[in-house]
């Protein structure tokens, strides 16, 4: 079964309920496809998003799938790594 279909079955509302319950500091989407499904829009950009859900910052990272390896750029992950280390100025 396609993972995107599984995500869509759980839905953005189900994910939002998990934000409310667990209150993570940051959520990272592994690729634009999941972020676009969550936001219900046609486009997404990499990096931290303007939207904050409760106390949760949203980050969209390049897919780690082997299919996406040709366009994978580790420099995009630097902001997430800095934020995770507590350097919030990076966000």
C-alpha atoms as a PDB file:
ATOM      1  CA  UNK A   1       0.000   0.000   0.000  1.00  0.00           C
ATOM      2  CA  UNK A   2       1.219   3.478  -0.864  1.00  0.00           C
ATOM      3  CA  UNK A   3       2.452   5.385   2.226  1.00  0.00           C
ATOM      4  CA  UNK A   4       0.777   8.592   1.020  1.00  0.00           C
ATOM      5  CA  UNK A   5      -2.562   6.790   1.048  1.00  0.00           C
ATOM      6  CA  UNK A   6      -1.945   5.671   4.629  1.00  0.00           C
ATOM      7  CA  UNK A   7      -1.167   9.284   5.598  1.00  0.00           C
ATOM      8  CA  UNK A   8      -4.276  10.552   3.836  1.00  0.00           C
ATOM      9  CA  UNK A   9      -6.391   7.981   5.676  1.00  0.00           C
ATOM     10  CA  UNK A  10      -5.017   9.230   8.994  1.00  0.00           C
ATOM     11  CA  UNK A  11      -5.523  12.751   7.746  1.00  0.00           C
ATOM     12  CA  UNK A  12      -4.338  16.168   8.764  1.00  0.00           C
ATOM     13  CA  UNK A  13      -6.919  16.327  11.544  1.00  0.00           C
ATOM     14  CA  UNK A  14      -5.564  13.151  13.124  1.00  0.00           C
ATOM     15  CA  UNK A  15      -2.042  14.527  12.948  1.00  0.00           C
ATOM     16  CA  UNK A  16      -3.226  17.809  14.498  1.00  0.00           C
ATOM     17  CA  UNK A  17      -4.731  15.840  17.399  1.00  0.00           C
ATOM     18  CA  UNK A  18      -1.302  14.288  17.989  1.00  0.00           C
ATOM     19  CA  UNK A  19       0.271  17.775  18.062  1.00  0.00           C
ATOM     20  CA  UNK A  20      -2.231  18.759  20.735  1.00  0.00           C
ATOM     21  CA  UNK A  21      -1.613  15.596  22.743  1.00  0.00           C
ATOM     22  CA  UNK A  22       2.172  15.256  22.560  1.00  0.00           C
ATOM     23  CA  UNK A  23       3.164  18.902  21.912  1.00  0.00           C
ATOM     24  CA  UNK A  24       6.454  18.235  20.095  1.00  0.00           C
ATOM     25  CA  UNK A  25       8.851  21.129  19.661  1.00  0.00           C
ATOM     26  CA  UNK A  26       9.254  20.398  15.954  1.00  0.00           C
ATOM     27  CA  UNK A  27       7.755  18.111  13.324  1.00  0.00           C
ATOM     28  CA  UNK A  28       9.735  17.249  10.213  1.00  0.00           C
ATOM     29  CA  UNK A  29       8.001  16.091   7.062  1.00  0.00           C
ATOM     30  CA  UNK A  30      10.238  13.723   5.097  1.00  0.00           C
ATOM     31  CA  UNK A  31       9.656  15.215   1.662  1.00  0.00           C
ATOM     32  CA  UNK A  32       7.263  17.700   0.166  1.00  0.00           C
ATOM     33  CA  UNK A  33       4.597  15.132  -0.665  1.00  0.00           C
ATOM     34  CA  UNK A  34       3.521  14.574   2.946  1.00  0.00           C
ATOM     35  CA  UNK A  35       3.651  18.313   3.688  1.00  0.00           C
ATOM     36  CA  UNK A  36       1.439  19.067   0.690  1.00  0.00           C
ATOM     37  CA  UNK A  37      -1.046  16.425   1.838  1.00  0.00           C
ATOM     38  CA  UNK A  38      -1.077  17.856   5.379  1.00  0.00           C
ATOM     39  CA  UNK A  39      -1.550  21.444   4.239  1.00  0.00           C
ATOM     40  CA  UNK A  40      -3.940  20.398   1.441  1.00  0.00           C
ATOM     41  CA  UNK A  41      -2.145  22.491  -1.143  1.00  0.00           C
ATOM     42  CA  UNK A  42      -0.345  21.897  -4.408  1.00  0.00           C
ATOM     43  CA  UNK A  43       3.061  23.295  -3.436  1.00  0.00           C
ATOM     44  CA  UNK A  44       5.431  23.168  -0.479  1.00  0.00           C
ATOM     45  CA  UNK A  45       8.874  24.580   0.161  1.00  0.00           C
ATOM     46  CA  UNK A  46      11.772  23.166   2.129  1.00  0.00           C
ATOM     47  CA  UNK A  47      12.757  24.455   5.542  1.00  0.00           C
ATOM     48  CA  UNK A  48      10.782  25.876   8.432  1.00  0.00           C
ATOM     49  CA  UNK A  49       7.239  26.835   7.569  1.00  0.00           C
ATOM     50  CA  UNK A  50       5.546  30.061   8.607  1.00  0.00           C
ATOM     51  CA  UNK A  51       2.707  28.132  10.215  1.00  0.00           C
ATOM     52  CA  UNK A  52       3.179  27.007  13.806  1.00  0.00           C
ATOM     53  CA  UNK A  53       0.719  24.477  15.208  1.00  0.00           C
ATOM     54  CA  UNK A  54       0.309  25.105  18.909  1.00  0.00           C
ATOM     55  CA  UNK A  55       3.911  25.084  20.111  1.00  0.00           C
ATOM     56  CA  UNK A  56       5.118  22.912  17.214  1.00  0.00           C
ATOM     57  CA  UNK A  57       7.394  24.272  14.491  1.00  0.00           C
ATOM     58  CA  UNK A  58       6.980  22.588  11.117  1.00  0.00           C
ATOM     59  CA  UNK A  59       9.966  21.715   8.928  1.00  0.00           C
ATOM     60  CA  UNK A  60       9.901  20.217   5.433  1.00  0.00           C
ATOM     61  CA  UNK A  61      13.040  18.282   4.547  1.00  0.00           C
ATOM     62  CA  UNK A  62      14.089  16.672   1.279  1.00  0.00           C
ATOM     63  CA  UNK A  63      12.920  13.087   0.964  1.00  0.00           C
ATOM     64  CA  UNK A  64      15.438  10.508   2.103  1.00  0.00           C
ATOM     65  CA  UNK A  65      14.051   8.055  -0.447  1.00  0.00           C
ATOM     66  CA  UNK A  66      16.593   6.564  -2.822  1.00  0.00           C
ATOM     67  CA  UNK A  67      14.359   7.701  -5.688  1.00  0.00           C
ATOM     68  CA  UNK A  68      15.018  11.322  -4.675  1.00  0.00           C
ATOM     69  CA  UNK A  69      18.770  10.864  -4.215  1.00  0.00           C
ATOM     70  CA  UNK A  70      19.682  12.808  -7.348  1.00  0.00           C
ATOM     71  CA  UNK A  71      18.173  16.019  -5.969  1.00  0.00           C
ATOM     72  CA  UNK A  72      18.993  15.496  -2.291  1.00  0.00           C
ATOM     73  CA  UNK A  73      20.753  18.431  -0.634  1.00  0.00           C
ATOM     74  CA  UNK A  74      22.079  17.966   2.925  1.00  0.00           C
ATOM     75  CA  UNK A  75      22.469  21.729   3.422  1.00  0.00           C
ATOM     76  CA  UNK A  76      18.693  22.063   3.862  1.00  0.00           C
ATOM     77  CA  UNK A  77      18.947  19.889   6.971  1.00  0.00           C
ATOM     78  CA  UNK A  78      21.357  22.341   8.665  1.00  0.00           C
ATOM     79  CA  UNK A  79      18.579  24.626   9.971  1.00  0.00           C
ATOM     80  CA  UNK A  80      16.792  21.646  11.500  1.00  0.00           C
ATOM     81  CA  UNK A  81      20.010  20.378  13.078  1.00  0.00           C
ATOM     82  CA  UNK A  82      20.791  23.816  14.525  1.00  0.00           C
ATOM     83  CA  UNK A  83      17.251  24.160  15.880  1.00  0.00           C
ATOM     84  CA  UNK A  84      17.432  20.679  17.422  1.00  0.00           C
ATOM     85  CA  UNK A  85      20.676  21.620  19.162  1.00  0.00           C
ATOM     86  CA  UNK A  86      18.933  24.591  20.743  1.00  0.00           C
ATOM     87  CA  UNK A  87      20.212  27.292  18.417  1.00  0.00           C
ATOM     88  CA  UNK A  88      16.789  28.790  17.745  1.00  0.00           C
ATOM     89  CA  UNK A  89      18.323  31.726  15.903  1.00  0.00           C
ATOM     90  CA  UNK A  90      18.806  29.270  13.015  1.00  0.00           C
ATOM     91  CA  UNK A  91      15.061  29.043  12.553  1.00  0.00           C
END
